[in-house]
């Protein structure tokens, strides 16, 4: 009888842990989705700023340099 009672308790604990884990994952996913649009906007702004600084750094638009290589002529 004690083995049966222990088995039932153990099964209940395993199921409870599984349900608790799934609930926590859903909450974390919701929080992550709420914060995601803010991060995308900041990344887009940073990309635009990086593009502006890169265009200011290169005086001629048809020449681009790769790190560690010679000058490459590019026609646009």
N, C-alpha and C. Protein backbone atom coordinates (compact mmCIF):
# COMPACT_ATOMS: atom_id res chain seq x y z
N UNK A 1 0.82 -1.20 0.00
CA UNK A 1 0.00 0.00 0.00
C UNK A 1 0.87 1.26 0.00
N UNK A 2 1.97 1.20 0.78
CA UNK A 2 2.84 2.36 0.85
C UNK A 2 3.55 2.59 -0.49
N UNK A 3 3.89 1.51 -1.19
CA UNK A 3 4.53 1.65 -2.49
C UNK A 3 3.57 2.29 -3.49
N UNK A 4 2.31 1.92 -3.44
CA UNK A 4 1.31 2.49 -4.33
C UNK A 4 1.12 3.97 -4.05
N UNK A 5 1.05 4.32 -2.75
CA UNK A 5 0.89 5.71 -2.35
C UNK A 5 2.11 6.53 -2.81
N UNK A 6 3.31 5.98 -2.62
CA UNK A 6 4.52 6.66 -3.05
C UNK A 6 4.54 6.85 -4.57
N UNK A 7 4.13 5.84 -5.30
CA UNK A 7 4.09 5.92 -6.77
C UNK A 7 3.12 7.00 -7.24
N UNK A 8 1.97 7.10 -6.59
CA UNK A 8 0.99 8.12 -6.96
C UNK A 8 1.53 9.51 -6.65
N UNK A 9 2.16 9.66 -5.50
CA UNK A 9 2.73 10.96 -5.15
C UNK A 9 3.84 11.36 -6.12
N UNK A 10 4.67 10.42 -6.46
CA UNK A 10 5.76 10.68 -7.38
C UNK A 10 5.24 11.08 -8.75
N UNK A 11 4.22 10.38 -9.22
CA UNK A 11 3.61 10.71 -10.51
C UNK A 11 2.99 12.10 -10.48
N UNK A 12 2.31 12.44 -9.40
CA UNK A 12 1.69 13.77 -9.27
C UNK A 12 2.76 14.87 -9.27
N UNK A 13 3.86 14.64 -8.58
CA UNK A 13 4.94 15.63 -8.56
C UNK A 13 5.57 15.81 -9.94
N UNK A 14 5.76 14.72 -10.66
CA UNK A 14 6.34 14.81 -12.00
C UNK A 14 5.41 15.59 -12.94
N UNK A 15 4.12 15.33 -12.86
CA UNK A 15 3.17 16.06 -13.70
C UNK A 15 3.09 17.53 -13.29
N UNK A 16 3.13 17.80 -12.00
CA UNK A 16 3.07 19.18 -11.53
C UNK A 16 4.30 19.96 -12.00
N UNK A 17 5.48 19.34 -11.92
CA UNK A 17 6.68 20.01 -12.39
C UNK A 17 6.60 20.30 -13.88
N UNK A 18 6.09 19.38 -14.66
CA UNK A 18 5.96 19.57 -16.10
C UNK A 18 5.02 20.73 -16.40
N UNK A 19 3.88 20.78 -15.73
CA UNK A 19 2.93 21.87 -15.96
C UNK A 19 3.50 23.21 -15.51
N UNK A 20 4.21 23.23 -14.38
CA UNK A 20 4.84 24.46 -13.90
C UNK A 20 5.89 24.95 -14.90
N UNK A 21 6.70 24.04 -15.42
CA UNK A 21 7.73 24.39 -16.40
C UNK A 21 7.11 24.98 -17.66
N UNK A 22 6.06 24.37 -18.16
CA UNK A 22 5.40 24.88 -19.37
C UNK A 22 4.80 26.26 -19.13
N UNK A 23 4.21 26.48 -17.97
CA UNK A 23 3.63 27.79 -17.65
C UNK A 23 4.72 28.86 -17.59
N UNK A 24 5.86 28.55 -16.98
CA UNK A 24 6.96 29.51 -16.91
C UNK A 24 7.51 29.82 -18.29
N UNK A 25 7.58 28.83 -19.16
CA UNK A 25 8.09 29.06 -20.51
C UNK A 25 7.13 29.96 -21.30
N UNK A 26 5.82 29.77 -21.11
CA UNK A 26 4.85 30.63 -21.79
C UNK A 26 4.96 32.07 -21.31
N UNK A 27 5.14 32.26 -20.01
CA UNK A 27 5.29 33.62 -19.48
C UNK A 27 6.57 34.27 -20.00
N UNK A 28 7.64 33.52 -20.04
CA UNK A 28 8.90 34.06 -20.55
C UNK A 28 8.77 34.41 -22.02
N UNK A 29 8.07 33.59 -22.79
CA UNK A 29 7.86 33.85 -24.22
C UNK A 29 7.05 35.12 -24.42
N UNK A 30 6.02 35.31 -23.60
CA UNK A 30 5.20 36.54 -23.70
C UNK A 30 6.03 37.77 -23.38
N UNK A 31 6.83 37.69 -22.33
CA UNK A 31 7.69 38.83 -21.97
C UNK A 31 8.69 39.14 -23.07
N UNK A 32 9.24 38.10 -23.67
CA UNK A 32 10.21 38.29 -24.73
C UNK A 32 9.56 38.93 -25.96
N UNK A 33 8.33 38.52 -26.29
CA UNK A 33 7.64 39.11 -27.43
C UNK A 33 7.28 40.57 -27.18
N UNK A 34 6.97 40.92 -25.91
CA UNK A 34 6.67 42.32 -25.59
C UNK A 34 7.89 43.20 -25.78
N UNK A 35 9.06 42.70 -25.43
CA UNK A 35 10.29 43.48 -25.52
C UNK A 35 10.92 43.45 -26.91
N UNK A 36 10.51 42.53 -27.75
CA UNK A 36 11.14 42.35 -29.05
C UNK A 36 10.98 43.55 -29.99
N UNK A 37 9.81 44.17 -30.15
CA UNK A 37 9.72 45.31 -31.07
C UNK A 37 10.62 46.47 -30.68
N UNK A 38 10.81 46.69 -29.39
CA UNK A 38 11.70 47.76 -28.93
C UNK A 38 13.13 47.49 -29.39
N UNK A 39 13.55 46.26 -29.30
CA UNK A 39 14.91 45.90 -29.70
C UNK A 39 15.07 46.05 -31.20
N UNK A 40 14.08 45.68 -32.00
CA UNK A 40 14.19 45.79 -33.45
C UNK A 40 14.31 47.25 -33.86
N UNK A 41 13.57 48.15 -33.22
CA UNK A 41 13.66 49.55 -33.56
C UNK A 41 15.04 50.09 -33.26
N UNK A 42 15.59 49.72 -32.12
CA UNK A 42 16.92 50.22 -31.77
C UNK A 42 17.98 49.67 -32.71
N UNK A 43 17.82 48.42 -33.16
CA UNK A 43 18.77 47.84 -34.10
C UNK A 43 18.68 48.55 -35.44
N UNK A 44 17.47 48.86 -35.90
CA UNK A 44 17.31 49.56 -37.17
C UNK A 44 17.92 50.96 -37.09
N UNK A 45 17.74 51.63 -35.98
CA UNK A 45 18.31 52.97 -35.82
C UNK A 45 19.83 52.89 -35.83
N UNK A 46 20.39 51.90 -35.16
CA UNK A 46 21.85 51.75 -35.13
C UNK A 46 22.38 51.46 -36.53
N UNK A 47 21.65 50.64 -37.31
CA UNK A 47 22.09 50.33 -38.68
C UNK A 47 22.08 51.59 -39.53
N UNK A 48 21.05 52.43 -39.40
CA UNK A 48 20.98 53.66 -40.17
C UNK A 48 22.14 54.58 -39.80
N UNK A 49 22.44 54.69 -38.51
CA UNK A 49 23.55 55.54 -38.06
C UNK A 49 24.88 55.00 -38.58
N UNK A 50 25.04 53.69 -38.58
CA UNK A 50 26.27 53.10 -39.08
C UNK A 50 26.42 53.36 -40.58
N UNK A 51 25.32 53.29 -41.31
CA UNK A 51 25.36 53.57 -42.74
C UNK A 51 25.73 55.02 -43.03
N UNK A 52 25.22 55.94 -42.22
CA UNK A 52 25.53 57.35 -42.40
C UNK A 52 27.00 57.62 -42.12
N UNK A 53 27.53 57.04 -41.06
CA UNK A 53 28.94 57.27 -40.73
C UNK A 53 29.85 56.63 -41.77
N UNK A 54 29.45 55.48 -42.31
CA UNK A 54 30.26 54.82 -43.32
C UNK A 54 30.27 55.65 -44.61
N UNK A 55 29.14 56.24 -44.96
CA UNK A 55 29.09 57.04 -46.18
C UNK A 55 29.88 58.33 -46.01
N UNK A 56 29.93 58.87 -44.80
CA UNK A 56 30.72 60.07 -44.54
C UNK A 56 32.22 59.75 -44.58
N UNK A 57 32.60 58.56 -44.19
CA UNK A 57 34.00 58.19 -44.12
C UNK A 57 34.60 57.98 -45.51
N UNK A 58 33.80 57.52 -46.47
CA UNK A 58 34.33 57.28 -47.81
C UNK A 58 33.98 58.46 -48.72
N UNK A 59 34.99 59.18 -49.21
CA UNK A 59 34.73 60.36 -50.02
C UNK A 59 34.23 60.04 -51.42
N UNK A 60 34.58 58.88 -51.96
CA UNK A 60 34.16 58.51 -53.32
C UNK A 60 33.26 57.29 -53.21
N UNK A 61 32.12 57.34 -53.87
CA UNK A 61 31.14 56.27 -53.71
C UNK A 61 31.46 55.03 -54.53
N UNK A 62 32.28 55.14 -55.58
CA UNK A 62 32.52 53.96 -56.42
C UNK A 62 33.78 53.19 -56.02
N UNK A 63 34.42 53.55 -54.90
CA UNK A 63 35.60 52.82 -54.43
C UNK A 63 35.31 52.30 -53.03
N UNK A 64 35.56 51.02 -52.83
CA UNK A 64 35.39 50.46 -51.49
C UNK A 64 36.61 49.62 -51.15
N UNK A 65 36.98 49.61 -49.89
CA UNK A 65 38.14 48.87 -49.43
C UNK A 65 37.72 47.76 -48.50
N UNK A 66 38.33 46.62 -48.67
CA UNK A 66 38.11 45.50 -47.77
C UNK A 66 39.30 45.40 -46.82
N UNK A 67 39.09 45.07 -45.57
CA UNK A 67 40.21 44.96 -44.64
C UNK A 67 41.20 43.90 -45.10
N UNK A 68 42.46 44.26 -45.12
CA UNK A 68 43.50 43.30 -45.47
C UNK A 68 43.64 43.05 -46.95
N UNK A 69 43.03 43.86 -47.81
CA UNK A 69 43.17 43.64 -49.25
C UNK A 69 43.43 44.96 -49.95
N UNK A 70 43.67 44.90 -51.23
CA UNK A 70 43.95 46.10 -52.01
C UNK A 70 42.64 46.77 -52.39
N UNK A 71 42.77 47.95 -53.01
CA UNK A 71 41.59 48.71 -53.42
C UNK A 71 40.85 48.00 -54.55
N UNK A 72 39.53 47.97 -54.47
CA UNK A 72 38.70 47.33 -55.47
C UNK A 72 37.78 48.38 -56.06
N UNK A 73 37.80 48.53 -57.38
CA UNK A 73 36.91 49.47 -58.05
C UNK A 73 35.55 48.82 -58.27
N UNK A 74 34.51 49.52 -57.88
CA UNK A 74 33.16 49.02 -58.00
C UNK A 74 32.34 50.04 -58.76
N UNK A 75 31.65 49.61 -59.79
CA UNK A 75 30.77 50.52 -60.52
C UNK A 75 29.34 50.23 -60.15
N UNK A 76 28.62 51.27 -59.84
CA UNK A 76 27.24 51.11 -59.40
C UNK A 76 26.30 51.53 -60.49
